[in-house]
Amino acid sequence: MERMFANNINYYLKRRGINYNYIALMTGWNIDKIRCLLNGNADLNWNDMMNLSGVLGHEVGFFTKDEAEFHENEDKDEQDIYLSSNIRNEDRILVDKIVEMFRFYDSLISVQL
């Protein structure tokens, strides 16, 4: 299951143009750890899978599907990605600012006092 999870995560990252730097930023892990986990050089535990899935906005189960089924679903989603690429530049800038605001908000509410 860990290998299938890692393969599906890598496929997801590649299709969406997400790099390991983003995952490192969101998890606090160093890039070497991420590479080792996703390339099979280190064992993935349940907490690692939960963190990786959460950073990408999904539950662990989303990435534990059979690889063929996962790829098929991702290919269908590509149509939605294409349609969203027709957004005007002004709207894209606004969306980027809103996403950044929510990341900041999320980090604030997760702070324990």
N, C-alpha and C. Protein backbone atom coordinates (compact mmCIF):
# COMPACT_ATOMS: atom_id res chain seq x y z
N MET A 1 0.82 -1.19 0.00
CA MET A 1 0.00 0.00 0.00
C MET A 1 0.87 1.27 0.00
N GLU A 2 1.98 1.24 0.73
CA GLU A 2 2.85 2.43 0.80
C GLU A 2 3.43 2.78 -0.56
N ARG A 3 3.83 1.76 -1.32
CA ARG A 3 4.40 2.01 -2.64
C ARG A 3 3.35 2.60 -3.59
N MET A 4 2.12 2.03 -3.54
CA MET A 4 1.04 2.55 -4.37
C MET A 4 0.73 3.99 -3.98
N PHE A 5 0.70 4.26 -2.69
CA PHE A 5 0.45 5.62 -2.19
C PHE A 5 1.50 6.58 -2.73
N ALA A 6 2.78 6.21 -2.61
CA ALA A 6 3.87 7.07 -3.08
C ALA A 6 3.79 7.29 -4.59
N ASN A 7 3.50 6.23 -5.34
CA ASN A 7 3.38 6.36 -6.80
C ASN A 7 2.24 7.30 -7.18
N ASN A 8 1.11 7.16 -6.49
CA ASN A 8 -0.03 8.02 -6.78
C ASN A 8 0.25 9.47 -6.40
N ILE A 9 0.93 9.68 -5.28
CA ILE A 9 1.31 11.05 -4.88
C ILE A 9 2.22 11.65 -5.95
N ASN A 10 3.21 10.90 -6.38
CA ASN A 10 4.14 11.41 -7.39
C ASN A 10 3.40 11.75 -8.69
N TYR A 11 2.49 10.89 -9.09
CA TYR A 11 1.70 11.15 -10.30
C TYR A 11 0.87 12.42 -10.13
N TYR A 12 0.24 12.56 -8.98
CA TYR A 12 -0.59 13.74 -8.67
C TYR A 12 0.25 15.01 -8.72
N LEU A 13 1.42 14.97 -8.10
CA LEU A 13 2.31 16.14 -8.09
C LEU A 13 2.73 16.51 -9.51
N LYS A 14 3.11 15.51 -10.28
CA LYS A 14 3.58 15.77 -11.64
C LYS A 14 2.47 16.37 -12.50
N ARG A 15 1.27 15.80 -12.42
CA ARG A 15 0.15 16.28 -13.24
C ARG A 15 -0.24 17.71 -12.90
N ARG A 16 -0.06 18.09 -11.65
CA ARG A 16 -0.47 19.42 -11.21
C ARG A 16 0.68 20.42 -11.12
N GLY A 17 1.88 19.96 -11.42
CA GLY A 17 3.03 20.86 -11.39
C GLY A 17 3.42 21.29 -9.99
N ILE A 18 3.15 20.44 -9.01
CA ILE A 18 3.50 20.74 -7.62
C ILE A 18 4.87 20.14 -7.35
N ASN A 19 5.76 20.92 -6.76
CA ASN A 19 7.10 20.40 -6.49
C ASN A 19 7.29 20.09 -5.01
N TYR A 20 8.39 19.45 -4.72
CA TYR A 20 8.69 19.05 -3.34
C TYR A 20 8.89 20.26 -2.43
N ASN A 21 9.27 21.39 -3.00
CA ASN A 21 9.44 22.60 -2.18
C ASN A 21 8.14 23.01 -1.51
N TYR A 22 7.04 22.89 -2.24
CA TYR A 22 5.73 23.22 -1.67
C TYR A 22 5.41 22.28 -0.51
N ILE A 23 5.66 20.99 -0.71
CA ILE A 23 5.38 20.03 0.35
C ILE A 23 6.27 20.31 1.56
N ALA A 24 7.53 20.63 1.31
CA ALA A 24 8.45 20.96 2.40
C ALA A 24 7.95 22.18 3.17
N LEU A 25 7.48 23.19 2.46
CA LEU A 25 6.98 24.40 3.09
C LEU A 25 5.76 24.09 3.96
N MET A 26 4.86 23.28 3.43
CA MET A 26 3.61 23.00 4.14
C MET A 26 3.76 21.99 5.28
N THR A 27 4.71 21.07 5.18
CA THR A 27 4.88 20.06 6.23
C THR A 27 5.96 20.40 7.23
N GLY A 28 6.92 21.25 6.83
CA GLY A 28 8.06 21.54 7.69
C GLY A 28 9.16 20.50 7.55
N TRP A 29 9.00 19.55 6.63
CA TRP A 29 10.02 18.52 6.41
C TRP A 29 11.09 19.06 5.47
N ASN A 30 12.28 18.45 5.53
CA ASN A 30 13.29 18.84 4.54
C ASN A 30 13.05 18.04 3.27
N ILE A 31 13.56 18.54 2.18
CA ILE A 31 13.30 17.95 0.87
C ILE A 31 13.88 16.54 0.76
N ASP A 32 15.00 16.29 1.43
CA ASP A 32 15.59 14.95 1.39
C ASP A 32 14.64 13.91 1.97
N LYS A 33 13.96 14.26 3.06
CA LYS A 33 13.01 13.33 3.66
C LYS A 33 11.87 13.05 2.68
N ILE A 34 11.37 14.09 2.03
CA ILE A 34 10.27 13.92 1.09
C ILE A 34 10.71 13.03 -0.07
N ARG A 35 11.89 13.28 -0.61
CA ARG A 35 12.41 12.46 -1.71
C ARG A 35 12.52 11.00 -1.29
N CYS A 36 13.08 10.76 -0.12
CA CYS A 36 13.24 9.39 0.35
C CYS A 36 11.90 8.69 0.52
N LEU A 37 10.93 9.39 1.09
CA LEU A 37 9.61 8.80 1.30
C LEU A 37 8.92 8.48 -0.02
N LEU A 38 8.99 9.41 -0.96
CA LEU A 38 8.24 9.24 -2.21
C LEU A 38 8.98 8.43 -3.26
N ASN A 39 10.27 8.21 -3.07
CA ASN A 39 11.02 7.36 -4.00
C ASN A 39 11.23 5.96 -3.47
N GLY A 40 10.70 5.66 -2.30
CA GLY A 40 10.79 4.32 -1.75
C GLY A 40 12.07 4.03 -0.99
N ASN A 41 12.88 5.03 -0.73
CA ASN A 41 14.13 4.82 0.01
C ASN A 41 13.93 4.86 1.52
N ALA A 42 12.74 5.23 1.96
CA ALA A 42 12.40 5.24 3.39
C ALA A 42 10.96 4.73 3.52
N ASP A 43 10.66 4.15 4.66
CA ASP A 43 9.32 3.62 4.88
C ASP A 43 8.35 4.74 5.18
N LEU A 44 7.19 4.68 4.54
CA LEU A 44 6.11 5.62 4.81
C LEU A 44 5.28 5.06 5.96
N ASN A 45 5.08 5.83 7.01
CA ASN A 45 4.17 5.39 8.06
C ASN A 45 2.84 6.13 7.91
N TRP A 46 1.88 5.75 8.72
CA TRP A 46 0.53 6.32 8.59
C TRP A 46 0.55 7.83 8.79
N ASN A 47 1.31 8.33 9.75
CA ASN A 47 1.37 9.77 9.99
C ASN A 47 1.94 10.52 8.78
N ASP A 48 2.96 9.95 8.15
CA ASP A 48 3.53 10.57 6.95
C ASP A 48 2.47 10.64 5.84
N MET A 49 1.73 9.54 5.67
CA MET A 49 0.70 9.52 4.63
C MET A 49 -0.40 10.53 4.93
N MET A 50 -0.77 10.65 6.19
CA MET A 50 -1.80 11.63 6.57
C MET A 50 -1.31 13.05 6.31
N ASN A 51 -0.06 13.34 6.65
CA ASN A 51 0.49 14.68 6.43
C ASN A 51 0.56 15.01 4.94
N LEU A 52 1.07 14.08 4.14
CA LEU A 52 1.17 14.32 2.70
C LEU A 52 -0.21 14.51 2.07
N SER A 53 -1.14 13.67 2.44
CA SER A 53 -2.49 13.78 1.89
C SER A 53 -3.14 15.10 2.30
N GLY A 54 -2.99 15.44 3.56
CA GLY A 54 -3.59 16.67 4.07
C GLY A 54 -3.06 17.91 3.39
N VAL A 55 -1.75 17.94 3.15
CA VAL A 55 -1.13 19.08 2.47
C VAL A 55 -1.74 19.25 1.08
N LEU A 56 -2.11 18.15 0.45
CA LEU A 56 -2.66 18.20 -0.90
C LEU A 56 -4.19 18.30 -0.90
N GLY A 57 -4.78 18.39 0.29
CA GLY A 57 -6.22 18.61 0.41
C GLY A 57 -7.07 17.36 0.25
N HIS A 58 -6.51 16.20 0.53
CA HIS A 58 -7.25 14.95 0.39
C HIS A 58 -7.04 14.06 1.61
N GLU A 59 -7.90 13.05 1.71
CA GLU A 59 -7.73 12.00 2.72
C GLU A 59 -6.75 10.97 2.18
N VAL A 60 -6.20 10.14 3.06
CA VAL A 60 -5.25 9.10 2.65
C VAL A 60 -5.87 8.17 1.61
N GLY A 61 -7.13 7.84 1.79
CA GLY A 61 -7.81 6.92 0.87
C GLY A 61 -7.82 7.38 -0.57
N PHE A 62 -7.77 8.67 -0.79
CA PHE A 62 -7.74 9.21 -2.15
C PHE A 62 -6.52 8.70 -2.91
N PHE A 63 -5.39 8.55 -2.21
CA PHE A 63 -4.14 8.16 -2.85
C PHE A 63 -3.84 6.67 -2.74
N THR A 64 -4.73 5.90 -2.12
CA THR A 64 -4.48 4.47 -1.98
C THR A 64 -5.29 3.64 -2.96
N LYS A 65 -5.89 4.29 -3.95
CA LYS A 65 -6.62 3.57 -4.99
C LYS A 65 -5.62 2.83 -5.88
N ASP A 66 -6.11 1.83 -6.58
CA ASP A 66 -5.30 1.14 -7.58
C ASP A 66 -4.75 2.19 -8.55
N GLU A 67 -3.49 2.02 -8.96
CA GLU A 67 -2.84 3.04 -9.79
C GLU A 67 -3.58 3.29 -11.10
N ALA A 68 -4.09 2.24 -11.74
CA ALA A 68 -4.80 2.43 -13.02
C ALA A 68 -6.07 3.27 -12.79
N GLU A 69 -6.79 2.95 -11.72
CA GLU A 69 -8.02 3.71 -11.40
C GLU A 69 -7.67 5.15 -11.04
N PHE A 70 -6.60 5.33 -10.28
CA PHE A 70 -6.18 6.67 -9.88
C PHE A 70 -5.80 7.50 -11.10
N HIS A 71 -5.03 6.92 -12.01
CA HIS A 71 -4.61 7.63 -13.22
C HIS A 71 -5.81 8.00 -14.10
N GLU A 72 -6.77 7.06 -14.19
CA GLU A 72 -7.96 7.33 -14.99
C GLU A 72 -8.74 8.51 -14.43
N ASN A 73 -8.91 8.54 -13.10
CA ASN A 73 -9.63 9.64 -12.46
C ASN A 73 -8.88 10.96 -12.64
N GLU A 74 -7.57 10.92 -12.54
CA GLU A 74 -6.77 12.12 -12.71
C GLU A 74 -6.85 12.64 -14.14
N ASP A 75 -6.88 11.73 -15.11
CA ASP A 75 -6.99 12.15 -16.51
C ASP A 75 -8.33 12.84 -16.76
N LYS A 76 -9.40 12.36 -16.11
CA LYS A 76 -10.71 13.01 -16.25
C LYS A 76 -10.66 14.41 -15.65
N ASP A 77 -9.97 14.55 -14.52
CA ASP A 77 -9.86 15.85 -13.86
C ASP A 77 -9.07 16.85 -14.69
N GLU A 78 -8.26 16.38 -15.61
CA GLU A 78 -7.46 17.29 -16.44
C GLU A 78 -8.35 18.21 -17.25
N GLN A 79 -9.54 17.75 -17.64
CA GLN A 79 -10.46 18.61 -18.38
C GLN A 79 -10.84 19.82 -17.52
N ASP A 80 -11.08 19.60 -16.23
CA ASP A 80 -11.41 20.70 -15.33
C ASP A 80 -10.24 21.66 -15.20
N ILE A 81 -9.03 21.12 -15.13
CA ILE A 81 -7.84 21.95 -15.03
C ILE A 81 -7.69 22.80 -16.28
N TYR A 82 -7.95 22.21 -17.45
CA TYR A 82 -7.85 22.96 -18.70
C TYR A 82 -8.84 24.11 -18.70
N LEU A 83 -10.08 23.83 -18.31
CA LEU A 83 -11.09 24.88 -18.32
C LEU A 83 -10.74 26.01 -17.36
N SER A 84 -10.15 25.66 -16.21
CA SER A 84 -9.78 26.69 -15.25
C SER A 84 -8.59 27.50 -15.72
N SER A 85 -7.87 27.02 -16.72
CA SER A 85 -6.72 27.77 -17.21
C SER A 85 -7.13 28.95 -18.07
N ASN A 86 -8.42 29.08 -18.37
CA ASN A 86 -8.91 30.19 -19.17
C ASN A 86 -9.31 31.39 -18.32
N ILE A 87 -8.83 31.47 -17.10
CA ILE A 87 -9.14 32.57 -16.20
C ILE A 87 -8.31 33.79 -16.59
N ARG A 88 -8.91 34.96 -16.50
CA ARG A 88 -8.17 36.20 -16.79
C ARG A 88 -7.05 36.38 -15.77
N ASN A 89 -6.01 37.05 -16.15
CA ASN A 89 -4.84 37.25 -15.30
C ASN A 89 -5.20 37.99 -14.00
N GLU A 90 -6.08 38.98 -14.07
CA GLU A 90 -6.49 39.72 -12.87
C GLU A 90 -7.17 38.78 -11.87
N ASP A 91 -8.02 37.90 -12.39
CA ASP A 91 -8.70 36.94 -11.52
C ASP A 91 -7.72 35.95 -10.91
N ARG A 92 -6.73 35.54 -11.69
CA ARG A 92 -5.73 34.60 -11.19
C ARG A 92 -4.94 35.23 -10.04
N ILE A 93 -4.59 36.50 -10.17
CA ILE A 93 -3.86 37.20 -9.11
C ILE A 93 -4.71 37.26 -7.84
N LEU A 94 -6.00 37.55 -8.00
CA LEU A 94 -6.91 37.60 -6.86
C LEU A 94 -7.01 36.23 -6.18
N VAL A 95 -7.14 35.18 -6.98
CA VAL A 95 -7.24 33.83 -6.43
C VAL A 95 -5.95 33.47 -5.67
N ASP A 96 -4.80 33.81 -6.22
CA ASP A 96 -3.53 33.53 -5.55
C ASP A 96 -3.46 34.24 -4.19
N LYS A 97 -3.95 35.48 -4.13
CA LYS A 97 -3.95 36.22 -2.87
C LYS A 97 -4.88 35.58 -1.85
N ILE A 98 -6.04 35.11 -2.31
CA ILE A 98 -7.00 34.47 -1.41
C ILE A 98 -6.44 33.16 -0.88
N VAL A 99 -5.82 32.38 -1.74
CA VAL A 99 -5.22 31.11 -1.31
C VAL A 99 -4.13 31.38 -0.27
N GLU A 100 -3.29 32.36 -0.51
CA GLU A 100 -2.24 32.70 0.44
C GLU A 100 -2.83 33.16 1.77
N MET A 101 -3.92 33.92 1.71
CA MET A 101 -4.58 34.36 2.94
C MET A 101 -5.07 33.16 3.75
N PHE A 102 -5.66 32.18 3.09
CA PHE A 102 -6.15 31.00 3.80
C PHE A 102 -5.01 30.17 4.37
N ARG A 103 -3.88 30.10 3.68
CA ARG A 103 -2.73 29.38 4.23
C ARG A 103 -2.26 30.06 5.51
N PHE A 104 -2.20 31.39 5.48
CA PHE A 104 -1.80 32.14 6.66
C PHE A 104 -2.80 31.92 7.79
N TYR A 105 -4.09 31.98 7.47
CA TYR A 105 -5.14 31.78 8.46
C TYR A 105 -5.05 30.39 9.06
N ASP A 106 -4.84 29.38 8.21
CA ASP A 106 -4.72 28.01 8.69
C ASP A 106 -3.55 27.86 9.65
N SER A 107 -2.43 28.49 9.33
CA SER A 107 -1.28 28.38 10.23
C SER A 107 -1.54 29.10 11.55
N LEU A 108 -2.33 30.17 11.52
CA LEU A 108 -2.65 30.88 12.75
C LEU A 108 -3.55 30.06 13.67
N ILE A 109 -4.57 29.41 13.09
CA ILE A 109 -5.49 28.67 13.94
C ILE A 109 -4.90 27.36 14.45
N SER A 110 -3.82 26.90 13.84
CA SER A 110 -3.19 25.66 14.30
C SER A 110 -2.17 25.90 15.40
N VAL A 111 -1.89 27.16 15.71
CA VAL A 111 -0.93 27.48 16.77
C VAL A 111 -1.56 27.18 18.12
N GLN A 112 -0.83 26.46 18.94
CA GLN A 112 -1.31 26.16 20.28
C GLN A 112 -0.67 27.12 21.27
N LEU A 113 -1.49 27.73 22.08
CA LEU A 113 -0.97 28.68 23.07
C LEU A 113 -0.77 28.01 24.40
